[in-house]
Amino acid sequence: MHFEKIHNKGQARLFQNNFLESLTKTRPWVIYIMYIPLSAWMLYHSYAAFGWSLGFIAGLFLLAFFSWTLFEYFAHRYLFHYEATSTLGQRIVYIFHGNHHEYPRDRMRLFMPPVPSIILAAVIFSLIYGLSALFTGNGDYAFVYFPGFLMGYLAYVSMHYAIHAYPPPRMLKSLWRNHHLHHYKYPEKGFGVSSVFWDKVFRTEPREEIQS
């Protein structure tokens, strides 16, 4: 995903229609108030309704939380950076991710906006519920796994926002470095955002420093 010029100011215009354009932007607090209460309710429901122990709920939640990092890596590498050949495909890739590479500091598009986010969340919950029912005979595990996965997403997207909006804290410089190299030098490397672990595993970690 290469652009002749990367703009560190301004934002892309994705739709001529003003209403559709407004649906492509959001602020972090909007997403937080959508998903944090929902996740809290699901976890409470799992404890109150299913009789599972706090240890079991915590274990499944953490498994889901960390499984997000693998999903994040593959989604970023193979979906967001899909090399479309058709005009329509290229347009879709640009809307979902290409505009972010052209305007990486557009803070209004660092979180997925509510409408596509809700649709995708519903699809993912349905898949988790279906897989849980298929392999265990009980879809209830989705009420713990989905919040863990969702919190993994919120951790990722919050980290992504911070990387583009703020200077790096000392302990997290490797994450900032990895992602900035991905944007400004090696778009074919550095697909992990919340973690560099999978870039190391799959040998896609950028190794050079950005030249100032």
Protein backbone atom coordinates (compact mmCIF):
# COMPACT_ATOMS: atom_id res chain seq x y z
CA MET A 1 0.00 0.00 0.00
CA HIS A 2 2.01 2.92 -1.33
CA PHE A 3 1.08 6.58 -1.81
CA GLU A 4 3.11 9.24 -3.61
CA LYS A 5 2.62 11.53 -0.62
CA ILE A 6 1.64 10.78 2.97
CA HIS A 7 -0.30 13.65 4.56
CA ASN A 8 0.30 14.29 8.24
CA LYS A 9 -2.43 16.92 8.25
CA GLY A 10 -6.02 16.84 7.01
CA GLN A 11 -8.23 13.90 6.17
CA ALA A 12 -9.49 12.01 3.15
CA ARG A 13 -12.94 12.59 1.71
CA LEU A 14 -14.51 9.15 1.41
CA PHE A 15 -18.06 10.01 0.28
CA GLN A 16 -19.56 12.99 -1.49
CA ASN A 17 -22.75 12.59 0.53
CA ASN A 18 -22.33 14.50 3.81
CA PHE A 19 -24.39 12.02 5.85
CA LEU A 20 -22.39 9.01 4.66
CA GLU A 21 -19.19 10.95 5.24
CA SER A 22 -20.23 11.66 8.84
CA LEU A 23 -20.66 7.91 9.44
CA THR A 24 -16.96 7.34 8.71
CA LYS A 25 -15.75 9.36 11.71
CA THR A 26 -15.90 8.92 15.46
CA ARG A 27 -14.17 9.73 18.72
CA PRO A 28 -12.79 7.18 21.21
CA TRP A 29 -15.32 7.90 23.97
CA VAL A 30 -18.21 6.95 21.69
CA ILE A 31 -16.81 3.44 21.21
CA TYR A 32 -15.95 3.08 24.89
CA ILE A 33 -19.48 3.84 26.05
CA MET A 34 -20.85 1.38 23.48
CA TYR A 35 -18.76 -1.64 24.38
CA ILE A 36 -17.47 -1.40 27.95
CA PRO A 37 -20.96 -1.54 29.56
CA LEU A 38 -21.99 -4.32 27.16
CA SER A 39 -18.90 -6.37 28.05
CA ALA A 40 -19.44 -5.79 31.78
CA TRP A 41 -23.06 -6.96 31.51
CA MET A 42 -22.09 -10.10 29.58
CA LEU A 43 -19.50 -11.05 32.18
CA TYR A 44 -21.93 -10.44 35.03
CA HIS A 45 -24.59 -12.45 33.20
CA SER A 46 -22.12 -15.32 32.77
CA TYR A 47 -21.43 -15.37 36.50
CA ALA A 48 -25.02 -14.90 37.65
CA ALA A 49 -26.86 -17.05 35.14
CA PHE A 50 -24.48 -19.89 34.30
CA GLY A 51 -22.91 -20.53 37.68
CA TRP A 52 -19.34 -20.45 36.39
CA SER A 53 -16.53 -19.70 38.81
CA LEU A 54 -14.68 -16.40 38.70
CA GLY A 55 -11.48 -18.32 37.89
CA PHE A 56 -13.03 -19.99 34.85
CA ILE A 57 -14.50 -16.71 33.63
CA ALA A 58 -11.17 -14.92 34.09
CA GLY A 59 -9.27 -17.68 32.28
CA LEU A 60 -11.59 -17.75 29.28
CA PHE A 61 -11.66 -13.96 29.18
CA LEU A 62 -7.84 -13.76 29.09
CA LEU A 63 -7.64 -16.45 26.41
CA ALA A 64 -10.02 -14.42 24.26
CA PHE A 65 -8.20 -11.18 25.04
CA PHE A 66 -4.87 -12.54 23.82
CA SER A 67 -6.41 -14.36 20.86
CA TRP A 68 -7.33 -10.90 19.57
CA THR A 69 -3.64 -10.19 18.88
CA LEU A 70 -3.47 -13.04 16.35
CA PHE A 71 -6.73 -11.95 14.73
CA GLU A 72 -5.41 -8.38 14.61
CA TYR A 73 -2.24 -9.50 12.84
CA PHE A 74 -3.97 -11.57 10.16
CA ALA A 75 -6.75 -9.03 9.58
CA HIS A 76 -4.23 -6.23 9.16
CA ARG A 77 -1.94 -8.26 6.91
CA TYR A 78 -4.40 -10.04 4.65
CA LEU A 79 -7.62 -7.98 4.73
CA PHE A 80 -6.56 -4.38 5.26
CA HIS A 81 -3.58 -4.78 2.95
CA TYR A 82 -5.33 -6.91 0.36
CA GLU A 83 -3.93 -6.17 -3.10
CA ALA A 84 -7.18 -5.65 -4.98
CA THR A 85 -7.04 -5.58 -8.77
CA SER A 86 -10.53 -4.30 -9.56
CA THR A 87 -11.55 -0.66 -9.21
CA LEU A 88 -14.30 -1.60 -6.75
CA GLY A 89 -11.92 -3.71 -4.67
CA GLN A 90 -9.37 -0.93 -4.52
CA ARG A 91 -12.09 1.50 -3.49
CA ILE A 92 -13.23 -0.78 -0.65
CA VAL A 93 -9.67 -1.29 0.60
CA TYR A 94 -9.11 2.48 0.52
CA ILE A 95 -12.28 3.18 2.50
CA PHE A 96 -11.44 0.61 5.16
CA HIS A 97 -7.71 1.17 5.50
CA GLY A 98 -6.00 2.93 2.62
CA ASN A 99 -7.20 6.36 3.70
CA HIS A 100 -5.48 5.79 7.04
CA HIS A 101 -2.17 5.18 5.29
CA GLU A 102 -2.57 8.33 3.22
CA TYR A 103 -3.69 10.40 6.26
CA PRO A 104 -2.20 8.54 9.25
CA ARG A 105 -2.80 11.34 11.78
CA ASP A 106 -6.50 11.78 11.11
CA ARG A 107 -7.73 11.22 14.68
CA MET A 108 -11.37 10.99 13.63
CA ARG A 109 -10.70 7.73 11.79
CA LEU A 110 -8.42 5.89 14.21
CA PHE A 111 -11.38 4.05 15.77
CA MET A 112 -13.86 2.13 13.63
CA PRO A 113 -17.02 4.27 13.57
CA PRO A 114 -20.21 3.03 15.30
CA VAL A 115 -22.30 1.74 12.37
CA PRO A 116 -19.75 -0.64 10.76
CA SER A 117 -18.42 -1.45 14.23
CA ILE A 118 -21.83 -2.64 15.47
CA ILE A 119 -22.41 -4.70 12.33
CA LEU A 120 -19.00 -6.36 12.61
CA ALA A 121 -19.42 -6.96 16.35
CA ALA A 122 -22.77 -8.66 15.74
CA VAL A 123 -21.22 -10.90 13.09
CA ILE A 124 -18.28 -11.84 15.34
CA PHE A 125 -20.54 -12.57 18.32
CA SER A 126 -22.72 -14.78 16.11
CA LEU A 127 -19.66 -16.67 14.84
CA ILE A 128 -18.30 -17.17 18.36
CA TYR A 129 -21.72 -18.31 19.59
CA GLY A 130 -22.09 -20.70 16.68
CA LEU A 131 -18.61 -22.17 17.09
CA SER A 132 -19.16 -22.56 20.83
CA ALA A 133 -22.42 -24.39 20.19
CA LEU A 134 -20.84 -26.54 17.48
CA PHE A 135 -17.83 -27.70 19.49
CA THR A 136 -19.24 -27.77 23.03
CA GLY A 137 -22.99 -28.09 22.49
CA ASN A 138 -23.43 -24.83 24.37
CA GLY A 139 -23.27 -21.30 22.95
CA ASP A 140 -23.13 -19.68 26.38
CA TYR A 141 -19.33 -19.52 26.35
CA ALA A 142 -19.66 -16.68 23.87
CA PHE A 143 -20.84 -14.45 26.73
CA VAL A 144 -17.32 -14.62 28.19
CA TYR A 145 -15.20 -15.08 25.06
CA PHE A 146 -16.81 -12.20 23.18
CA PRO A 147 -16.15 -9.58 25.94
CA GLY A 148 -12.54 -10.77 26.17
CA PHE A 149 -12.13 -10.49 22.41
CA LEU A 150 -13.83 -7.09 22.47
CA MET A 151 -11.55 -5.80 25.22
CA GLY A 152 -8.60 -7.01 23.16
CA TYR A 153 -9.95 -4.90 20.32
CA LEU A 154 -10.37 -1.85 22.57
CA ALA A 155 -6.81 -2.26 23.85
CA TYR A 156 -5.57 -2.47 20.27
CA VAL A 157 -7.51 0.51 18.96
CA SER A 158 -6.58 2.61 22.00
CA MET A 159 -2.92 1.77 21.43
CA HIS A 160 -3.32 2.60 17.75
CA TYR A 161 -4.83 5.97 18.63
CA ALA A 162 -2.04 6.75 21.09
CA ILE A 163 0.68 5.81 18.58
CA HIS A 164 -0.66 8.31 16.04
CA ALA A 165 -1.57 11.03 18.52
CA TYR A 166 1.15 11.06 21.22
CA PRO A 167 4.91 10.56 21.66
CA PRO A 168 5.93 7.10 22.90
CA PRO A 169 6.43 6.33 26.58
CA ARG A 170 9.83 4.78 27.22
CA MET A 171 8.55 1.24 27.88
CA LEU A 172 6.51 1.11 24.67
CA LYS A 173 8.95 2.58 22.16
CA SER A 174 9.15 -0.69 20.23
CA LEU A 175 5.42 -0.58 19.46
CA TRP A 176 5.61 3.04 18.27
CA ARG A 177 8.69 2.24 16.18
CA ASN A 178 7.12 -0.86 14.63
CA HIS A 179 3.98 0.95 13.55
CA HIS A 180 5.69 4.10 12.28
CA LEU A 181 8.02 1.99 10.16
CA HIS A 182 4.93 0.22 8.82
CA HIS A 183 3.42 3.55 7.79
CA TYR A 184 6.40 5.48 6.54
CA LYS A 185 8.85 2.91 5.22
CA TYR A 186 7.69 -0.71 5.13
CA PRO A 187 3.93 -1.09 4.59
CA GLU A 188 4.55 -4.79 3.84
CA LYS A 189 5.92 -5.33 7.37
CA GLY A 190 4.96 -4.47 10.94
CA PHE A 191 1.35 -5.67 10.98
CA GLY A 192 1.10 -5.98 14.76
CA VAL A 193 -0.08 -2.86 16.56
CA SER A 194 -0.84 -3.87 20.13
CA SER A 195 2.04 -6.39 20.10
CA VAL A 196 5.16 -7.12 18.03
CA PHE A 197 4.99 -10.82 18.97
CA TRP A 198 3.33 -12.11 15.80
CA ASP A 199 5.61 -10.00 13.60
CA LYS A 200 8.52 -11.82 15.22
CA VAL A 201 6.84 -15.21 14.79
CA PHE A 202 6.00 -14.66 11.11
CA ARG A 203 9.20 -12.70 10.36
CA THR A 204 7.52 -9.48 9.32
CA GLU A 205 9.15 -7.24 11.92
CA PRO A 206 10.73 -4.12 10.39
CA ARG A 207 14.32 -3.83 11.67
CA GLU A 208 15.58 -0.48 10.44
CA GLU A 209 15.16 2.79 12.28
CA ILE A 210 13.30 5.69 10.71
CA GLN A 211 15.79 8.26 9.54
CA SER A 212 15.04 11.71 10.91
